Protein backbone atom coordinates (compact mmCIF):
# COMPACT_ATOMS: atom_id res chain seq x y z
CA UNK A 1 0.00 0.00 0.00
CA UNK A 2 1.51 3.40 -0.95
CA UNK A 3 2.38 5.91 1.74
CA UNK A 4 -0.11 8.81 1.39
CA UNK A 5 1.48 10.89 4.15
CA UNK A 6 4.66 11.57 2.22
CA UNK A 7 6.40 14.88 2.79
CA UNK A 8 7.76 14.93 -0.75
CA UNK A 9 8.75 18.55 -1.55
CA UNK A 10 7.57 18.14 -5.16
CA UNK A 11 4.04 17.23 -4.09
CA UNK A 12 1.40 19.95 -4.54
CA UNK A 13 -0.53 20.92 -1.46
CA UNK A 14 -4.22 21.85 -1.55
CA UNK A 15 -3.18 25.44 -0.81
CA UNK A 16 -0.95 25.51 -3.89
CA UNK A 17 -3.77 24.23 -6.07
CA UNK A 18 -6.23 26.76 -4.64
CA UNK A 19 -3.79 29.63 -5.18
CA UNK A 20 -3.18 28.56 -8.78
CA UNK A 21 -6.91 28.32 -9.48
CA UNK A 22 -7.56 31.72 -7.89
CA UNK A 23 -4.82 33.39 -9.95
CA UNK A 24 -6.19 31.73 -13.08
CA UNK A 25 -9.67 33.05 -12.29
CA UNK A 26 -8.33 36.58 -11.62
CA UNK A 27 -6.44 36.74 -14.91
CA UNK A 28 -9.25 35.14 -16.91
CA UNK A 29 -11.96 37.41 -15.52
CA UNK A 30 -9.81 40.53 -15.97
CA UNK A 31 -9.07 39.63 -19.58
CA UNK A 32 -12.74 38.80 -20.17
CA UNK A 33 -13.75 42.16 -18.70
CA UNK A 34 -11.32 43.95 -21.00
CA UNK A 35 -12.57 41.97 -24.00
CA UNK A 36 -16.23 42.75 -23.34
CA UNK A 37 -15.33 46.41 -22.89
CA UNK A 38 -14.04 46.53 -26.43
CA UNK A 39 -16.92 44.37 -27.66
CA UNK A 40 -19.65 46.59 -26.27
CA UNK A 41 -21.37 43.97 -24.14
CA UNK A 42 -24.18 44.62 -21.68
CA UNK A 43 -23.46 46.14 -18.28
CA UNK A 44 -24.30 42.94 -16.40
CA UNK A 45 -21.42 41.14 -18.16
CA UNK A 46 -18.97 43.79 -16.90
CA UNK A 47 -20.40 43.50 -13.40
CA UNK A 48 -20.06 39.72 -13.31
CA UNK A 49 -16.47 39.82 -14.59
CA UNK A 50 -15.59 42.57 -12.13
CA UNK A 51 -17.21 40.77 -9.22
CA UNK A 52 -15.32 37.55 -9.98
CA UNK A 53 -12.06 39.50 -10.23
CA UNK A 54 -12.63 41.33 -6.94
CA UNK A 55 -13.72 38.21 -5.04
CA UNK A 56 -10.78 36.13 -6.23
CA UNK A 57 -8.25 38.92 -5.66
CA UNK A 58 -9.68 39.54 -2.20
CA UNK A 59 -9.45 35.86 -1.36
CA UNK A 60 -5.82 35.80 -2.49
CA UNK A 61 -5.07 38.86 -0.35
CA UNK A 62 -6.71 37.35 2.74
CA UNK A 63 -4.89 34.05 2.25
CA UNK A 64 -1.60 35.89 1.83
CA UNK A 65 -2.09 37.98 4.95
CA UNK A 66 -3.14 34.98 7.04
CA UNK A 67 -0.08 33.09 5.83
CA UNK A 68 2.26 35.73 7.26
CA UNK A 69 1.06 35.27 10.83
PDB file of N, CA and C in Angstrom:
ATOM      1  N   UNK A   1       0.855  -1.171   0.000  1.00  0.00           N
ATOM      2  CA  UNK A   1       0.000   0.000   0.000  1.00  0.00           C
ATOM      3  C   UNK A   1       0.902   1.236   0.000  1.00  0.00           C
ATOM      4  N   UNK A   2       0.654   2.212  -0.883  1.00  0.00           N
ATOM      5  CA  UNK A   2       1.507   3.396  -0.952  1.00  0.00           C
ATOM      6  C   UNK A   2       1.317   4.302   0.260  1.00  0.00           C
ATOM      7  N   UNK A   3       2.394   4.991   0.603  1.00  0.00           N
ATOM      8  CA  UNK A   3       2.378   5.913   1.735  1.00  0.00           C
ATOM      9  C   UNK A   3       1.762   7.242   1.290  1.00  0.00           C
ATOM     10  N   UNK A   4       0.582   7.574   1.806  1.00  0.00           N
ATOM     11  CA  UNK A   4      -0.109   8.814   1.392  1.00  0.00           C
ATOM     12  C   UNK A   4       0.263  10.007   2.253  1.00  0.00           C
ATOM     13  N   UNK A   5       1.076   9.796   3.276  1.00  0.00           N
ATOM     14  CA  UNK A   5       1.477  10.894   4.154  1.00  0.00           C
ATOM     15  C   UNK A   5       2.900  11.349   3.849  1.00  0.00           C
ATOM     16  N   UNK A   6       3.303  11.195   2.622  1.00  0.00           N
ATOM     17  CA  UNK A   6       4.655  11.572   2.219  1.00  0.00           C
ATOM     18  C   UNK A   6       4.856  13.078   2.332  1.00  0.00           C
ATOM     19  N   UNK A   7       6.052  13.463   2.713  1.00  0.00           N
ATOM     20  CA  UNK A   7       6.404  14.883   2.789  1.00  0.00           C
ATOM     21  C   UNK A   7       7.292  15.247   1.610  1.00  0.00           C
ATOM     22  N   UNK A   8       7.009  14.677   0.468  1.00  0.00           N
ATOM     23  CA  UNK A   8       7.763  14.934  -0.745  1.00  0.00           C
ATOM     24  C   UNK A   8       7.669  16.416  -1.100  1.00  0.00           C
ATOM     25  N   UNK A   9       8.797  17.108  -1.263  1.00  0.00           N
ATOM     26  CA  UNK A   9       8.750  18.545  -1.551  1.00  0.00           C
ATOM     27  C   UNK A   9       8.155  18.875  -2.923  1.00  0.00           C
ATOM     28  N   UNK A  10       8.128  17.897  -3.827  1.00  0.00           N
ATOM     29  CA  UNK A  10       7.573  18.144  -5.163  1.00  0.00           C
ATOM     30  C   UNK A  10       6.060  17.957  -5.209  1.00  0.00           C
ATOM     31  N   UNK A  11       5.480  17.483  -4.131  1.00  0.00           N
ATOM     32  CA  UNK A  11       4.039  17.226  -4.090  1.00  0.00           C
ATOM     33  C   UNK A  11       3.279  18.544  -3.894  1.00  0.00           C
ATOM     34  N   UNK A  12       2.212  18.741  -4.660  1.00  0.00           N
ATOM     35  CA  UNK A  12       1.395  19.950  -4.536  1.00  0.00           C
ATOM     36  C   UNK A  12       0.465  19.837  -3.341  1.00  0.00           C
ATOM     37  N   UNK A  13       0.386  20.899  -2.581  1.00  0.00           N
ATOM     38  CA  UNK A  13      -0.534  20.924  -1.456  1.00  0.00           C
ATOM     39  C   UNK A  13      -1.878  21.492  -1.927  1.00  0.00           C
ATOM     40  N   UNK A  14      -2.929  21.270  -1.182  1.00  0.00           N
ATOM     41  CA  UNK A  14      -4.224  21.854  -1.550  1.00  0.00           C
ATOM     42  C   UNK A  14      -4.162  23.384  -1.614  1.00  0.00           C
ATOM     43  N   UNK A  15      -3.335  23.992  -0.771  1.00  0.00           N
ATOM     44  CA  UNK A  15      -3.180  25.442  -0.810  1.00  0.00           C
ATOM     45  C   UNK A  15      -2.547  25.924  -2.111  1.00  0.00           C
ATOM     46  N   UNK A  16      -1.579  25.158  -2.619  1.00  0.00           N
ATOM     47  CA  UNK A  16      -0.946  25.506  -3.894  1.00  0.00           C
ATOM     48  C   UNK A  16      -1.948  25.425  -5.044  1.00  0.00           C
ATOM     49  N   UNK A  17      -2.766  24.403  -5.012  1.00  0.00           N
ATOM     50  CA  UNK A  17      -3.774  24.234  -6.067  1.00  0.00           C
ATOM     51  C   UNK A  17      -4.804  25.356  -6.005  1.00  0.00           C
ATOM     52  N   UNK A  18      -5.246  25.687  -4.798  1.00  0.00           N
ATOM     53  CA  UNK A  18      -6.233  26.760  -4.640  1.00  0.00           C
ATOM     54  C   UNK A  18      -5.663  28.094  -5.119  1.00  0.00           C
ATOM     55  N   UNK A  19      -4.412  28.377  -4.763  1.00  0.00           N
ATOM     56  CA  UNK A  19      -3.786  29.634  -5.181  1.00  0.00           C
ATOM     57  C   UNK A  19      -3.666  29.702  -6.703  1.00  0.00           C
ATOM     58  N   UNK A  20      -3.291  28.598  -7.323  1.00  0.00           N
ATOM     59  CA  UNK A  20      -3.179  28.564  -8.782  1.00  0.00           C
ATOM     60  C   UNK A  20      -4.536  28.786  -9.442  1.00  0.00           C
ATOM     61  N   UNK A  21      -5.573  28.142  -8.916  1.00  0.00           N
ATOM     62  CA  UNK A  21      -6.914  28.321  -9.483  1.00  0.00           C
ATOM     63  C   UNK A  21      -7.425  29.748  -9.287  1.00  0.00           C
ATOM     64  N   UNK A  22      -7.136  30.343  -8.126  1.00  0.00           N
ATOM     65  CA  UNK A  22      -7.565  31.722  -7.890  1.00  0.00           C
ATOM     66  C   UNK A  22      -6.855  32.689  -8.830  1.00  0.00           C
ATOM     67  N   UNK A  23      -5.547  32.518  -9.013  1.00  0.00           N
ATOM     68  CA  UNK A  23      -4.824  33.390  -9.946  1.00  0.00           C
ATOM     69  C   UNK A  23      -5.332  33.216 -11.373  1.00  0.00           C
ATOM     70  N   UNK A  24      -5.645  31.980 -11.747  1.00  0.00           N
ATOM     71  CA  UNK A  24      -6.186  31.730 -13.082  1.00  0.00           C
ATOM     72  C   UNK A  24      -7.532  32.430 -13.248  1.00  0.00           C
ATOM     73  N   UNK A  25      -8.361  32.380 -12.225  1.00  0.00           N
ATOM     74  CA  UNK A  25      -9.668  33.050 -12.289  1.00  0.00           C
ATOM     75  C   UNK A  25      -9.514  34.566 -12.345  1.00  0.00           C
ATOM     76  N   UNK A  26      -8.558  35.128 -11.597  1.00  0.00           N
ATOM     77  CA  UNK A  26      -8.327  36.577 -11.619  1.00  0.00           C
ATOM     78  C   UNK A  26      -7.919  37.026 -13.008  1.00  0.00           C
ATOM     79  N   UNK A  27      -6.943  36.350 -13.578  1.00  0.00           N
ATOM     80  CA  UNK A  27      -6.443  36.741 -14.907  1.00  0.00           C
ATOM     81  C   UNK A  27      -7.518  36.545 -15.961  1.00  0.00           C
ATOM     82  N   UNK A  28      -8.218  35.419 -15.916  1.00  0.00           N
ATOM     83  CA  UNK A  28      -9.251  35.140 -16.914  1.00  0.00           C
ATOM     84  C   UNK A  28     -10.387  36.154 -16.844  1.00  0.00           C
ATOM     85  N   UNK A  29     -10.844  36.467 -15.639  1.00  0.00           N
ATOM     86  CA  UNK A  29     -11.960  37.410 -15.524  1.00  0.00           C
ATOM     87  C   UNK A  29     -11.531  38.831 -15.882  1.00  0.00           C
ATOM     88  N   UNK A  30     -10.293  39.200 -15.586  1.00  0.00           N
ATOM     89  CA  UNK A  30      -9.814  40.525 -15.969  1.00  0.00           C
ATOM     90  C   UNK A  30      -9.692  40.650 -17.487  1.00  0.00           C
ATOM     91  N   UNK A  31      -9.177  39.619 -18.120  1.00  0.00           N
ATOM     92  CA  UNK A  31      -9.070  39.630 -19.585  1.00  0.00           C
ATOM     93  C   UNK A  31     -10.460  39.612 -20.219  1.00  0.00           C
ATOM     94  N   UNK A  32     -11.367  38.837 -19.653  1.00  0.00           N
ATOM     95  CA  UNK A  32     -12.736  38.801 -20.174  1.00  0.00           C
ATOM     96  C   UNK A  32     -13.398  40.167 -20.029  1.00  0.00           C
ATOM     97  N   UNK A  33     -13.173  40.837 -18.913  1.00  0.00           N
ATOM     98  CA  UNK A  33     -13.751  42.158 -18.702  1.00  0.00           C
ATOM     99  C   UNK A  33     -13.207  43.146 -19.730  1.00  0.00           C
ATOM    100  N   UNK A  34     -11.918  43.066 -20.006  1.00  0.00           N
ATOM    101  CA  UNK A  34     -11.324  43.946 -21.003  1.00  0.00           C
ATOM    102  C   UNK A  34     -11.886  43.636 -22.397  1.00  0.00           C
ATOM    103  N   UNK A  35     -12.050  42.363 -22.695  1.00  0.00           N
ATOM    104  CA  UNK A  35     -12.571  41.971 -24.005  1.00  0.00           C
ATOM    105  C   UNK A  35     -14.009  42.443 -24.199  1.00  0.00           C
ATOM    106  N   UNK A  36     -14.848  42.310 -23.175  1.00  0.00           N
ATOM    107  CA  UNK A  36     -16.232  42.750 -23.339  1.00  0.00           C
ATOM    108  C   UNK A  36     -16.329  44.271 -23.362  1.00  0.00           C
ATOM    109  N   UNK A  37     -15.344  44.952 -22.797  1.00  0.00           N
ATOM    110  CA  UNK A  37     -15.326  46.415 -22.890  1.00  0.00           C
ATOM    111  C   UNK A  37     -15.155  46.856 -24.333  1.00  0.00           C
ATOM    112  N   UNK A  38     -14.255  46.194 -25.028  1.00  0.00           N
ATOM    113  CA  UNK A  38     -14.043  46.530 -26.433  1.00  0.00           C
ATOM    114  C   UNK A  38     -15.169  46.007 -27.312  1.00  0.00           C
ATOM    115  N   UNK A  39     -15.841  44.964 -26.879  1.00  0.00           N
ATOM    116  CA  UNK A  39     -16.915  44.371 -27.663  1.00  0.00           C
ATOM    117  C   UNK A  39     -18.261  45.041 -27.483  1.00  0.00           C
ATOM    118  N   UNK A  40     -18.382  45.892 -26.484  1.00  0.00           N
ATOM    119  CA  UNK A  40     -19.645  46.590 -26.267  1.00  0.00           C
ATOM    120  C   UNK A  40     -20.740  45.713 -25.683  1.00  0.00           C
ATOM    121  N   UNK A  41     -20.391  44.863 -24.750  1.00  0.00           N
ATOM    122  CA  UNK A  41     -21.375  43.968 -24.141  1.00  0.00           C
ATOM    123  C   UNK A  41     -22.244  44.720 -23.138  1.00  0.00           C
ATOM    124  N   UNK A  42     -23.274  44.041 -22.667  1.00  0.00           N
ATOM    125  CA  UNK A  42     -24.179  44.623 -21.682  1.00  0.00           C
ATOM    126  C   UNK A  42     -23.454  44.882 -20.356  1.00  0.00           C
ATOM    127  N   UNK A  43     -24.051  45.752 -19.555  1.00  0.00           N
ATOM    128  CA  UNK A  43     -23.461  46.136 -18.278  1.00  0.00           C
ATOM    129  C   UNK A  43     -23.354  44.951 -17.324  1.00  0.00           C
ATOM    130  N   UNK A  44     -24.325  44.054 -17.335  1.00  0.00           N
ATOM    131  CA  UNK A  44     -24.296  42.939 -16.400  1.00  0.00           C
ATOM    132  C   UNK A  44     -23.078  42.052 -16.626  1.00  0.00           C
ATOM    133  N   UNK A  45     -22.597  41.959 -17.873  1.00  0.00           N
ATOM    134  CA  UNK A  45     -21.415  41.144 -18.158  1.00  0.00           C
ATOM    135  C   UNK A  45     -20.191  41.763 -17.491  1.00  0.00           C
ATOM    136  N   UNK A  46     -20.075  43.097 -17.566  1.00  0.00           N
ATOM    137  CA  UNK A  46     -18.975  43.793 -16.899  1.00  0.00           C
ATOM    138  C   UNK A  46     -19.032  43.587 -15.384  1.00  0.00           C
ATOM    139  N   UNK A  47     -20.239  43.664 -14.846  1.00  0.00           N
ATOM    140  CA  UNK A  47     -20.398  43.501 -13.400  1.00  0.00           C
ATOM    141  C   UNK A  47     -20.019  42.102 -12.933  1.00  0.00           C
ATOM    142  N   UNK A  48     -20.402  41.098 -13.689  1.00  0.00           N
ATOM    143  CA  UNK A  48     -20.061  39.720 -13.311  1.00  0.00           C
ATOM    144  C   UNK A  48     -18.552  39.513 -13.380  1.00  0.00           C
ATOM    145  N   UNK A  49     -17.931  39.965 -14.460  1.00  0.00           N
ATOM    146  CA  UNK A  49     -16.472  39.820 -14.587  1.00  0.00           C
ATOM    147  C   UNK A  49     -15.750  40.578 -13.480  1.00  0.00           C
ATOM    148  N   UNK A  50     -16.206  41.773 -13.191  1.00  0.00           N
ATOM    149  CA  UNK A  50     -15.592  42.566 -12.130  1.00  0.00           C
ATOM    150  C   UNK A  50     -15.772  41.943 -10.765  1.00  0.00           C
ATOM    151  N   UNK A  51     -16.952  41.404 -10.510  1.00  0.00           N
ATOM    152  CA  UNK A  51     -17.208  40.769  -9.218  1.00  0.00           C
ATOM    153  C   UNK A  51     -16.330  39.539  -9.024  1.00  0.00           C
ATOM    154  N   UNK A  52     -16.182  38.735 -10.065  1.00  0.00           N
ATOM    155  CA  UNK A  52     -15.316  37.554  -9.976  1.00  0.00           C
ATOM    156  C   UNK A  52     -13.878  37.983  -9.719  1.00  0.00           C
ATOM    157  N   UNK A  53     -13.425  39.016 -10.419  1.00  0.00           N
ATOM    158  CA  UNK A  53     -12.059  39.503 -10.230  1.00  0.00           C
ATOM    159  C   UNK A  53     -11.842  39.984  -8.802  1.00  0.00           C
ATOM    160  N   UNK A  54     -12.770  40.780  -8.286  1.00  0.00           N
ATOM    161  CA  UNK A  54     -12.631  41.328  -6.936  1.00  0.00           C
ATOM    162  C   UNK A  54     -12.687  40.228  -5.878  1.00  0.00           C
ATOM    163  N   UNK A  55     -13.608  39.287  -6.022  1.00  0.00           N
ATOM    164  CA  UNK A  55     -13.720  38.211  -5.036  1.00  0.00           C
ATOM    165  C   UNK A  55     -12.474  37.325  -5.012  1.00  0.00           C
ATOM    166  N   UNK A  56     -11.968  36.977  -6.183  1.00  0.00           N
ATOM    167  CA  UNK A  56     -10.775  36.129  -6.227  1.00  0.00           C
ATOM    168  C   UNK A  56      -9.540  36.876  -5.731  1.00  0.00           C
ATOM    169  N   UNK A  57      -9.392  38.129  -6.122  1.00  0.00           N
ATOM    170  CA  UNK A  57      -8.247  38.918  -5.660  1.00  0.00           C
ATOM    171  C   UNK A  57      -8.321  39.138  -4.154  1.00  0.00           C
ATOM    172  N   UNK A  58      -9.510  39.382  -3.637  1.00  0.00           N
ATOM    173  CA  UNK A  58      -9.677  39.536  -2.198  1.00  0.00           C
ATOM    174  C   UNK A  58      -9.354  38.260  -1.445  1.00  0.00           C
ATOM    175  N   UNK A  59      -9.766  37.145  -1.988  1.00  0.00           N
ATOM    176  CA  UNK A  59      -9.453  35.860  -1.360  1.00  0.00           C
ATOM    177  C   UNK A  59      -7.949  35.616  -1.352  1.00  0.00           C
ATOM    178  N   UNK A  60      -7.277  35.943  -2.448  1.00  0.00           N
ATOM    179  CA  UNK A  60      -5.817  35.805  -2.491  1.00  0.00           C
ATOM    180  C   UNK A  60      -5.153  36.708  -1.464  1.00  0.00           C
ATOM    181  N   UNK A  61      -5.649  37.918  -1.315  1.00  0.00           N
ATOM    182  CA  UNK A  61      -5.071  38.856  -0.347  1.00  0.00           C
ATOM    183  C   UNK A  61      -5.257  38.352   1.079  1.00  0.00           C
ATOM    184  N   UNK A  62      -6.446  37.869   1.396  1.00  0.00           N
ATOM    185  CA  UNK A  62      -6.711  37.353   2.743  1.00  0.00           C
ATOM    186  C   UNK A  62      -5.842  36.141   3.023  1.00  0.00           C
ATOM    187  N   UNK A  63      -5.732  35.235   2.055  1.00  0.00           N
ATOM    188  CA  UNK A  63      -4.889  34.045   2.248  1.00  0.00           C
ATOM    189  C   UNK A  63      -3.429  34.435   2.434  1.00  0.00           C
ATOM    190  N   UNK A  64      -2.987  35.438   1.695  1.00  0.00           N
ATOM    191  CA  UNK A  64      -1.604  35.893   1.825  1.00  0.00           C
ATOM    192  C   UNK A  64      -1.325  36.538   3.176  1.00  0.00           C
ATOM    193  N   UNK A  65      -2.270  37.337   3.645  1.00  0.00           N
ATOM    194  CA  UNK A  65      -2.095  37.981   4.954  1.00  0.00           C
ATOM    195  C   UNK A  65      -2.159  36.974   6.094  1.00  0.00           C
ATOM    196  N   UNK A  66      -3.034  36.002   5.992  1.00  0.00           N
ATOM    197  CA  UNK A  66      -3.139  34.977   7.040  1.00  0.00           C
ATOM    198  C   UNK A  66      -1.890  34.100   7.061  1.00  0.00           C
ATOM    199  N   UNK A  67      -1.274  33.909   5.895  1.00  0.00           N
ATOM    200  CA  UNK A  67      -0.080  33.088   5.826  1.00  0.00           C
ATOM    201  C   UNK A  67       1.134  33.720   6.471  1.00  0.00           C
ATOM    202  N   UNK A  68       1.119  35.024   6.659  1.00  0.00           N
ATOM    203  CA  UNK A  68       2.257  35.732   7.259  1.00  0.00           C
ATOM    204  C   UNK A  68       2.253  35.684   8.767  1.00  0.00           C
ATOM    205  N   UNK A  69       1.147  35.297   9.358  1.00  0.00           N
ATOM    206  CA  UNK A  69       1.058  35.274  10.831  1.00  0.00           C
ATOM    207  C   UNK A  69       1.862  34.152  11.408  1.00  0.00           C
TER     208      UNK A  69
END
